[in-house]
N, C-alpha and C. Protein backbone atom coordinates (compact mmCIF):
# COMPACT_ATOMS: atom_id res chain seq x y z
N UNK A 1 114.40 8.92 66.62
CA UNK A 1 114.38 10.25 67.14
C UNK A 1 115.73 10.90 66.89
N UNK A 2 115.63 12.10 66.35
CA UNK A 2 116.84 12.80 65.96
C UNK A 2 117.08 13.95 66.94
N UNK A 3 118.32 13.98 67.47
CA UNK A 3 118.69 15.02 68.40
C UNK A 3 119.44 16.13 67.66
N UNK A 4 119.03 17.32 67.95
CA UNK A 4 119.78 18.48 67.37
C UNK A 4 120.31 19.32 68.50
N UNK A 5 121.58 19.56 68.48
CA UNK A 5 122.26 20.38 69.47
C UNK A 5 122.65 21.66 68.79
N UNK A 6 121.87 22.66 68.97
CA UNK A 6 122.13 23.93 68.28
C UNK A 6 123.03 24.87 69.11
N UNK A 7 123.10 24.73 70.43
CA UNK A 7 123.89 25.67 71.24
C UNK A 7 123.04 26.88 71.62
N UNK A 8 123.70 27.95 71.99
CA UNK A 8 123.07 29.18 72.38
C UNK A 8 122.93 30.10 71.19
N UNK A 9 121.85 30.88 71.24
CA UNK A 9 121.71 31.88 70.11
C UNK A 9 122.54 33.09 70.48
N UNK A 10 122.78 33.95 69.56
CA UNK A 10 123.58 35.17 69.78
C UNK A 10 122.89 36.08 70.77
N UNK A 11 121.60 36.16 70.73
CA UNK A 11 120.86 37.01 71.67
C UNK A 11 121.06 36.54 73.10
N UNK A 12 120.99 35.22 73.30
CA UNK A 12 121.19 34.67 74.66
C UNK A 12 122.59 34.96 75.15
N UNK A 13 123.59 34.83 74.32
CA UNK A 13 124.97 35.14 74.71
C UNK A 13 125.14 36.63 75.08
N UNK A 14 124.54 37.48 74.30
CA UNK A 14 124.66 38.94 74.55
C UNK A 14 123.99 39.25 75.91
N UNK A 15 122.85 38.63 76.19
CA UNK A 15 122.16 38.88 77.46
C UNK A 15 123.04 38.44 78.63
N UNK A 16 123.68 37.29 78.50
CA UNK A 16 124.48 36.76 79.60
C UNK A 16 125.73 37.67 79.79
N UNK A 17 126.31 38.17 78.75
CA UNK A 17 127.45 39.07 78.86
C UNK A 17 127.02 40.39 79.46
N UNK A 18 125.87 40.86 79.09
CA UNK A 18 125.35 42.15 79.69
C UNK A 18 125.12 41.98 81.17
N UNK A 19 124.54 40.85 81.59
CA UNK A 19 124.30 40.61 83.05
C UNK A 19 125.63 40.52 83.79
N UNK A 20 126.65 39.92 83.19
CA UNK A 20 127.94 39.80 83.84
C UNK A 20 128.60 41.17 83.96
N UNK A 21 128.43 42.02 82.94
CA UNK A 21 129.00 43.36 82.99
C UNK A 21 128.34 44.21 84.07
N UNK A 22 127.06 44.05 84.26
CA UNK A 22 126.32 44.79 85.26
C UNK A 22 126.80 44.36 86.67
N UNK A 23 126.92 43.07 86.83
CA UNK A 23 127.41 42.55 88.12
C UNK A 23 128.84 43.01 88.42
N UNK A 24 129.70 43.00 87.39
CA UNK A 24 131.08 43.45 87.62
C UNK A 24 131.08 44.95 87.97
N UNK A 25 130.23 45.75 87.35
CA UNK A 25 130.21 47.20 87.62
C UNK A 25 129.70 47.44 89.03
N UNK A 26 128.82 46.60 89.50
CA UNK A 26 128.31 46.75 90.90
C UNK A 26 129.32 46.31 91.93
N UNK A 27 130.08 45.33 91.64
CA UNK A 27 131.08 44.77 92.62
C UNK A 27 132.39 45.56 92.63
N UNK A 28 132.82 46.17 91.53
CA UNK A 28 134.10 46.83 91.44
C UNK A 28 134.32 47.91 92.50
N UNK A 29 133.44 48.86 92.72
CA UNK A 29 133.69 49.89 93.79
C UNK A 29 133.87 49.30 95.15
N UNK A 30 133.11 48.31 95.52
CA UNK A 30 133.31 47.65 96.80
C UNK A 30 134.65 46.97 96.90
N UNK A 31 135.09 46.30 95.83
CA UNK A 31 136.38 45.67 95.83
C UNK A 31 137.50 46.66 95.99
N UNK A 32 137.39 47.82 95.31
CA UNK A 32 138.38 48.86 95.38
C UNK A 32 138.48 49.42 96.82
N UNK A 33 137.28 49.60 97.49
CA UNK A 33 137.27 50.07 98.89
C UNK A 33 137.96 49.08 99.78
N UNK A 34 137.68 47.79 99.62
CA UNK A 34 138.32 46.76 100.46
C UNK A 34 139.83 46.71 100.26
N UNK A 35 140.26 46.89 99.04
CA UNK A 35 141.76 46.92 98.77
C UNK A 35 142.34 48.13 99.44
N UNK A 36 141.73 49.31 99.31
CA UNK A 36 142.28 50.51 99.95
C UNK A 36 142.29 50.36 101.47
N UNK A 37 141.27 49.78 102.07
CA UNK A 37 141.21 49.58 103.49
C UNK A 37 142.32 48.66 103.93
N UNK A 38 142.59 47.63 103.16
CA UNK A 38 143.66 46.68 103.45
C UNK A 38 145.03 47.36 103.40
N UNK A 39 145.21 48.22 102.43
CA UNK A 39 146.51 48.95 102.30
C UNK A 39 146.70 49.89 103.47
N UNK A 40 145.60 50.61 103.89
CA UNK A 40 145.70 51.51 105.02
C UNK A 40 146.06 50.71 106.29
N UNK A 41 145.45 49.54 106.46
CA UNK A 41 145.77 48.70 107.65
C UNK A 41 147.23 48.28 107.62
N UNK A 42 147.80 47.97 106.47
CA UNK A 42 149.20 47.62 106.35
C UNK A 42 150.08 48.79 106.75
N UNK A 43 149.64 50.02 106.39
CA UNK A 43 150.40 51.23 106.77
C UNK A 43 150.39 51.44 108.28
N UNK A 44 149.26 51.15 108.95
CA UNK A 44 149.17 51.33 110.37
C UNK A 44 150.05 50.29 111.05
N UNK A 45 150.10 49.08 110.52
CA UNK A 45 150.99 48.05 111.07
C UNK A 45 152.43 48.42 110.93
N UNK A 46 152.82 48.93 109.72
CA UNK A 46 154.23 49.36 109.52
C UNK A 46 154.54 50.53 110.43
N UNK A 47 153.62 51.43 110.67
CA UNK A 47 153.87 52.54 111.57
C UNK A 47 154.09 52.04 113.02
N UNK A 48 153.40 50.98 113.36
CA UNK A 48 153.65 50.34 114.64
C UNK A 48 155.05 49.78 114.76
N UNK A 49 155.53 49.27 113.68
CA UNK A 49 156.91 48.77 113.63
C UNK A 49 157.91 49.93 113.85
N UNK A 50 157.64 51.07 113.17
CA UNK A 50 158.50 52.26 113.31
C UNK A 50 158.45 52.71 114.79
N UNK A 51 157.26 52.82 115.33
CA UNK A 51 157.11 53.24 116.74
C UNK A 51 157.84 52.28 117.71
N UNK A 52 157.73 50.98 117.47
CA UNK A 52 158.41 50.03 118.31
C UNK A 52 159.91 50.15 118.19
N UNK A 53 160.38 50.47 116.97
CA UNK A 53 161.81 50.66 116.74
C UNK A 53 162.34 51.84 117.53
N UNK A 54 161.60 52.91 117.58
CA UNK A 54 162.02 54.07 118.34
C UNK A 54 162.00 53.76 119.84
N UNK A 55 160.97 53.11 120.28
CA UNK A 55 160.83 52.73 121.70
C UNK A 55 161.98 51.81 122.12
N UNK A 56 162.34 50.87 121.21
CA UNK A 56 163.44 49.98 121.48
C UNK A 56 164.81 50.74 121.50
N UNK A 57 164.90 51.70 120.63
CA UNK A 57 166.15 52.49 120.57
C UNK A 57 166.30 53.32 121.85
N UNK A 58 165.19 53.68 122.50
CA UNK A 58 165.26 54.47 123.72
C UNK A 58 165.90 53.72 124.87
N UNK A 59 165.99 52.38 124.72
CA UNK A 59 166.64 51.58 125.77
C UNK A 59 168.14 51.86 125.75
N UNK A 60 168.70 52.30 124.63
CA UNK A 60 170.11 52.66 124.54
C UNK A 60 170.25 54.08 125.13
N UNK A 61 171.21 54.25 126.05
CA UNK A 61 171.35 55.56 126.72
C UNK A 61 171.70 56.67 125.75
N UNK A 62 172.49 56.37 124.72
CA UNK A 62 172.86 57.43 123.76
C UNK A 62 171.63 57.87 122.95
N UNK A 63 170.83 56.91 122.51
CA UNK A 63 169.62 57.26 121.77
C UNK A 63 168.66 58.03 122.63
N UNK A 64 168.53 57.57 123.88
CA UNK A 64 167.59 58.24 124.78
C UNK A 64 167.98 59.71 125.02
N UNK A 65 169.30 59.95 125.18
CA UNK A 65 169.74 61.32 125.36
C UNK A 65 169.50 62.20 124.12
N UNK A 66 169.61 61.61 122.93
CA UNK A 66 169.29 62.36 121.70
C UNK A 66 167.80 62.68 121.62
N UNK A 67 166.94 61.73 122.02
CA UNK A 67 165.52 61.94 122.00
C UNK A 67 165.10 62.93 123.10
N UNK A 68 165.73 62.84 124.24
CA UNK A 68 165.37 63.69 125.36
C UNK A 68 165.63 65.18 125.08
N UNK A 69 166.56 65.47 124.19
CA UNK A 69 166.91 66.86 123.82
C UNK A 69 165.85 67.44 122.90
N UNK A 70 164.98 66.62 122.33
CA UNK A 70 163.98 67.12 121.35
C UNK A 70 162.94 67.96 122.07
N UNK A 71 162.47 68.99 121.35
CA UNK A 71 161.37 69.81 121.89
C UNK A 71 160.03 69.18 121.58
N UNK A 72 159.05 69.53 122.30
CA UNK A 72 157.70 68.94 122.09
C UNK A 72 157.16 69.27 120.69
N UNK A 73 156.71 68.27 120.00
CA UNK A 73 156.19 68.40 118.63
C UNK A 73 157.23 68.28 117.55
N UNK A 74 158.49 68.11 117.95
CA UNK A 74 159.58 67.99 116.96
C UNK A 74 159.64 66.60 116.37
N UNK A 75 159.92 66.55 115.05
CA UNK A 75 160.09 65.23 114.40
C UNK A 75 161.47 64.71 114.81
N UNK A 76 161.50 63.56 115.45
CA UNK A 76 162.80 63.02 115.87
C UNK A 76 163.32 62.00 114.89
N UNK A 77 162.45 61.43 114.08
CA UNK A 77 162.87 60.40 113.14
C UNK A 77 161.93 60.45 111.92
N UNK A 78 162.48 60.36 110.76
CA UNK A 78 161.69 60.31 109.55
C UNK A 78 162.14 59.12 108.70
N UNK A 79 161.18 58.30 108.32
CA UNK A 79 161.51 57.10 107.56
C UNK A 79 160.78 57.17 106.23
N UNK A 80 161.57 57.15 105.12
CA UNK A 80 160.99 57.08 103.81
C UNK A 80 160.65 55.63 103.54
N UNK A 81 159.38 55.33 103.33
CA UNK A 81 158.93 53.98 103.12
C UNK A 81 159.56 53.33 101.92
N UNK A 82 159.86 52.06 102.03
CA UNK A 82 160.47 51.33 100.94
C UNK A 82 160.51 49.83 101.23
N UNK A 83 160.84 49.10 100.21
CA UNK A 83 160.93 47.65 100.31
C UNK A 83 162.22 47.27 101.07
N UNK A 84 162.39 46.00 101.26
CA UNK A 84 163.52 45.49 101.97
C UNK A 84 164.85 46.05 101.39
N UNK A 85 165.69 46.66 102.29
CA UNK A 85 166.95 47.20 101.89
C UNK A 85 166.89 48.57 101.19
N UNK A 86 165.64 49.16 101.10
CA UNK A 86 165.49 50.41 100.40
C UNK A 86 164.78 51.41 101.31
N UNK A 87 165.05 51.39 102.60
CA UNK A 87 164.44 52.30 103.51
C UNK A 87 165.45 53.44 103.87
N UNK A 88 165.03 54.68 103.73
CA UNK A 88 165.85 55.83 104.06
C UNK A 88 165.42 56.39 105.42
N UNK A 89 166.38 56.52 106.34
CA UNK A 89 166.08 57.04 107.69
C UNK A 89 166.88 58.30 107.92
N UNK A 90 166.18 59.30 108.42
CA UNK A 90 166.86 60.51 108.93
C UNK A 90 166.37 60.65 110.38
N UNK A 91 167.30 61.06 111.24
CA UNK A 91 166.94 61.17 112.67
C UNK A 91 167.76 62.33 113.29
N UNK A 92 167.36 62.69 114.53
CA UNK A 92 168.00 63.81 115.17
C UNK A 92 169.39 63.50 115.67
N UNK A 93 169.74 62.22 115.68
CA UNK A 93 171.08 61.83 116.08
C UNK A 93 171.56 60.63 115.35
N UNK A 94 172.88 60.44 115.30
CA UNK A 94 173.43 59.28 114.60
C UNK A 94 173.09 57.96 115.23
N UNK A 95 173.04 57.92 116.55
CA UNK A 95 172.73 56.67 117.25
C UNK A 95 171.29 56.21 116.96
N UNK A 96 170.35 57.14 116.96
CA UNK A 96 168.98 56.83 116.67
C UNK A 96 168.84 56.37 115.23
N UNK A 97 169.57 57.03 114.33
CA UNK A 97 169.50 56.72 112.93
C UNK A 97 170.03 55.28 112.71
N UNK A 98 171.14 54.90 113.28
CA UNK A 98 171.67 53.54 113.06
C UNK A 98 170.79 52.48 113.70
N UNK A 99 170.19 52.79 114.88
CA UNK A 99 169.27 51.84 115.49
C UNK A 99 168.03 51.63 114.58
N UNK A 100 167.48 52.71 114.03
CA UNK A 100 166.33 52.59 113.19
C UNK A 100 166.65 51.89 111.89
N UNK A 101 167.81 52.12 111.33
CA UNK A 101 168.18 51.42 110.09
C UNK A 101 168.30 49.92 110.34
N UNK A 102 168.81 49.51 111.45
CA UNK A 102 168.92 48.10 111.72
C UNK A 102 167.53 47.50 112.04
N UNK A 103 166.69 48.26 112.73
CA UNK A 103 165.34 47.78 113.04
C UNK A 103 164.49 47.59 111.76
N UNK A 104 164.59 48.50 110.85
CA UNK A 104 163.77 48.51 109.64
C UNK A 104 164.45 47.95 108.44
N UNK A 105 165.48 47.13 108.64
CA UNK A 105 166.20 46.55 107.51
C UNK A 105 165.29 45.68 106.62
N UNK A 106 164.23 45.11 107.23
CA UNK A 106 163.33 44.22 106.46
C UNK A 106 162.37 44.98 105.60
N UNK A 107 162.34 46.32 105.68
CA UNK A 107 161.45 47.12 104.85
C UNK A 107 160.32 47.75 105.65
N UNK A 108 159.78 48.80 105.14
CA UNK A 108 158.77 49.53 105.78
C UNK A 108 158.00 50.32 104.71
N UNK A 109 157.28 49.61 103.89
CA UNK A 109 156.68 50.15 102.70
C UNK A 109 155.38 50.84 102.99
N UNK A 110 155.07 51.92 102.30
CA UNK A 110 153.75 52.62 102.39
C UNK A 110 152.95 52.09 101.23
N UNK A 111 151.82 51.42 101.48
CA UNK A 111 151.08 50.84 100.45
C UNK A 111 149.88 51.68 99.94
N UNK A 112 149.34 52.51 100.79
CA UNK A 112 148.21 53.39 100.39
C UNK A 112 148.82 54.67 99.89
N UNK A 113 148.89 54.80 98.58
CA UNK A 113 149.63 55.93 97.98
C UNK A 113 148.71 56.91 97.27
N UNK A 114 147.39 56.84 97.44
CA UNK A 114 146.49 57.77 96.79
C UNK A 114 146.63 59.18 97.31
N UNK A 115 147.08 59.34 98.54
CA UNK A 115 147.34 60.68 99.08
C UNK A 115 148.76 61.10 98.91
N UNK A 116 149.53 60.34 98.15
CA UNK A 116 150.98 60.62 97.86
C UNK A 116 151.85 60.66 99.07
N UNK A 117 151.47 59.93 100.12
CA UNK A 117 152.28 59.80 101.31
C UNK A 117 153.51 58.95 101.06
N UNK A 118 154.63 59.40 101.62
CA UNK A 118 155.85 58.62 101.38
C UNK A 118 156.71 58.45 102.64
N UNK A 119 156.36 59.16 103.70
CA UNK A 119 157.18 59.17 104.91
C UNK A 119 156.39 58.82 106.16
N UNK A 120 157.04 58.07 107.06
CA UNK A 120 156.60 57.91 108.43
C UNK A 120 157.41 58.87 109.26
N UNK A 121 156.79 59.80 109.97
CA UNK A 121 157.47 60.77 110.81
C UNK A 121 157.12 60.56 112.28
N UNK A 122 158.11 60.40 113.11
CA UNK A 122 157.90 60.19 114.53
C UNK A 122 158.16 61.50 115.27
N UNK A 123 157.15 61.91 116.08
CA UNK A 123 157.29 63.08 116.87
C UNK A 123 157.23 62.73 118.33
N UNK A 124 157.73 63.65 119.18
CA UNK A 124 157.64 63.47 120.61
C UNK A 124 156.83 64.65 121.17
N UNK A 125 155.84 64.32 121.97
CA UNK A 125 154.97 65.32 122.61
C UNK A 125 155.01 64.98 124.09
N UNK A 126 155.85 65.59 124.81
CA UNK A 126 156.05 65.29 126.24
C UNK A 126 156.65 63.89 126.34
N UNK A 127 155.89 62.96 126.88
CA UNK A 127 156.36 61.58 126.99
C UNK A 127 155.77 60.65 126.00
N UNK A 128 154.98 61.22 125.07
CA UNK A 128 154.29 60.42 124.15
C UNK A 128 154.91 60.49 122.74
N UNK A 129 155.18 59.32 122.16
CA UNK A 129 155.73 59.24 120.81
C UNK A 129 154.55 58.98 119.86
N UNK A 130 154.51 59.68 118.79
CA UNK A 130 153.43 59.52 117.80
C UNK A 130 154.07 59.35 116.41
N UNK A 131 153.39 58.53 115.61
CA UNK A 131 153.86 58.34 114.22
C UNK A 131 152.82 58.95 113.32
N UNK A 132 153.29 59.77 112.43
CA UNK A 132 152.40 60.42 111.41
C UNK A 132 152.86 59.93 110.03
N UNK A 133 151.97 60.00 109.10
CA UNK A 133 152.33 59.68 107.73
C UNK A 133 152.14 60.98 106.89
N UNK A 134 153.11 61.27 106.05
CA UNK A 134 153.01 62.51 105.27
C UNK A 134 153.73 62.39 103.98
N UNK A 135 153.60 63.50 103.22
CA UNK A 135 154.15 63.58 101.85
C UNK A 135 155.68 63.83 101.82
N UNK A 136 156.19 64.40 102.91
CA UNK A 136 157.62 64.65 102.97
C UNK A 136 158.11 64.47 104.41
N UNK A 137 159.39 64.71 104.62
CA UNK A 137 159.99 64.44 105.94
C UNK A 137 159.65 65.45 106.98
N UNK A 138 158.93 66.51 106.62
CA UNK A 138 158.56 67.55 107.58
C UNK A 138 157.05 67.56 107.79
N UNK A 139 156.33 66.63 107.20
CA UNK A 139 154.89 66.67 107.17
C UNK A 139 154.30 65.75 108.23
N UNK A 140 153.41 66.28 109.05
CA UNK A 140 152.69 65.43 110.07
C UNK A 140 151.19 65.56 109.79
N UNK A 141 150.83 65.13 108.60
CA UNK A 141 149.44 65.29 108.14
C UNK A 141 148.44 64.39 108.83
N UNK A 142 148.75 63.10 108.92
CA UNK A 142 147.78 62.13 109.42
C UNK A 142 148.45 61.29 110.50
N UNK A 143 147.95 61.33 111.71
CA UNK A 143 148.45 60.45 112.77
C UNK A 143 147.93 59.03 112.60
N UNK A 144 148.82 58.07 112.66
CA UNK A 144 148.38 56.67 112.53
C UNK A 144 148.83 55.78 113.69
N UNK A 145 149.70 56.25 114.55
CA UNK A 145 150.10 55.48 115.73
C UNK A 145 150.36 56.47 116.84
N UNK A 146 150.05 56.28 118.09
CA UNK A 146 149.28 55.18 118.66
C UNK A 146 147.80 55.28 118.42
N UNK A 147 147.28 56.44 118.05
CA UNK A 147 145.87 56.66 117.72
C UNK A 147 145.78 56.94 116.25
N UNK A 148 144.89 56.18 115.58
CA UNK A 148 144.77 56.37 114.13
C UNK A 148 143.66 57.34 113.82
N UNK A 149 143.99 58.32 112.99
CA UNK A 149 142.98 59.32 112.58
C UNK A 149 141.90 58.65 111.76
N UNK A 150 140.77 59.36 111.59
CA UNK A 150 139.61 58.73 110.89
C UNK A 150 139.90 58.32 109.48
N UNK A 151 140.80 59.02 108.79
CA UNK A 151 141.09 58.71 107.40
C UNK A 151 141.64 57.30 107.25
N UNK A 152 142.44 56.86 108.21
CA UNK A 152 143.09 55.57 108.07
C UNK A 152 142.35 54.45 108.78
N UNK A 153 141.15 54.66 109.26
CA UNK A 153 140.43 53.59 109.89
C UNK A 153 139.62 52.82 108.89
C-alpha cells in the first residue's frame, strides 16, 4: 500500500484565509470598543487621583485658604496629563501647586485621546470639588469625577 501525502490544495488554503479574514473583520470593531472603554476607565481612575490630591492638599491650611478664595465654578487646579515626571500643574496658588506636583509625581497620563483631551481641570462648586477633562487648561467639557458623564462610562 502506497501512501501519498499531497497536503492542501490552493483552493482550500484560500477558503481558510478568507474565513479568517471575515472573522477578524467581525471581531476588530468589538476589540477597538473594549480598548477605548479601558482607556476611558484609566482616565476616570487618574482623575480620582487628581481629586484625592486636591482633597489631601486641603488639609494644609495654606492650601485650604487658597481654595476657599475661589469663586463657584472656577478652575482651581489644572493638570496636563503626562507620564512619570512629565506632569505640568497650574493652580490658583503656589502651595496648592507644590502639593499637587508632589502628589502626581508618579504620573497622570490621559489615555483616551480620540477627543484630543490633554488636561484634568478641578473646579469648586460650593463645597463640591469636580474633575473635568478637556482640551486645554480652561476647558470643562466632560465631568469624570465624582460623577462620570455618559461619554466616559
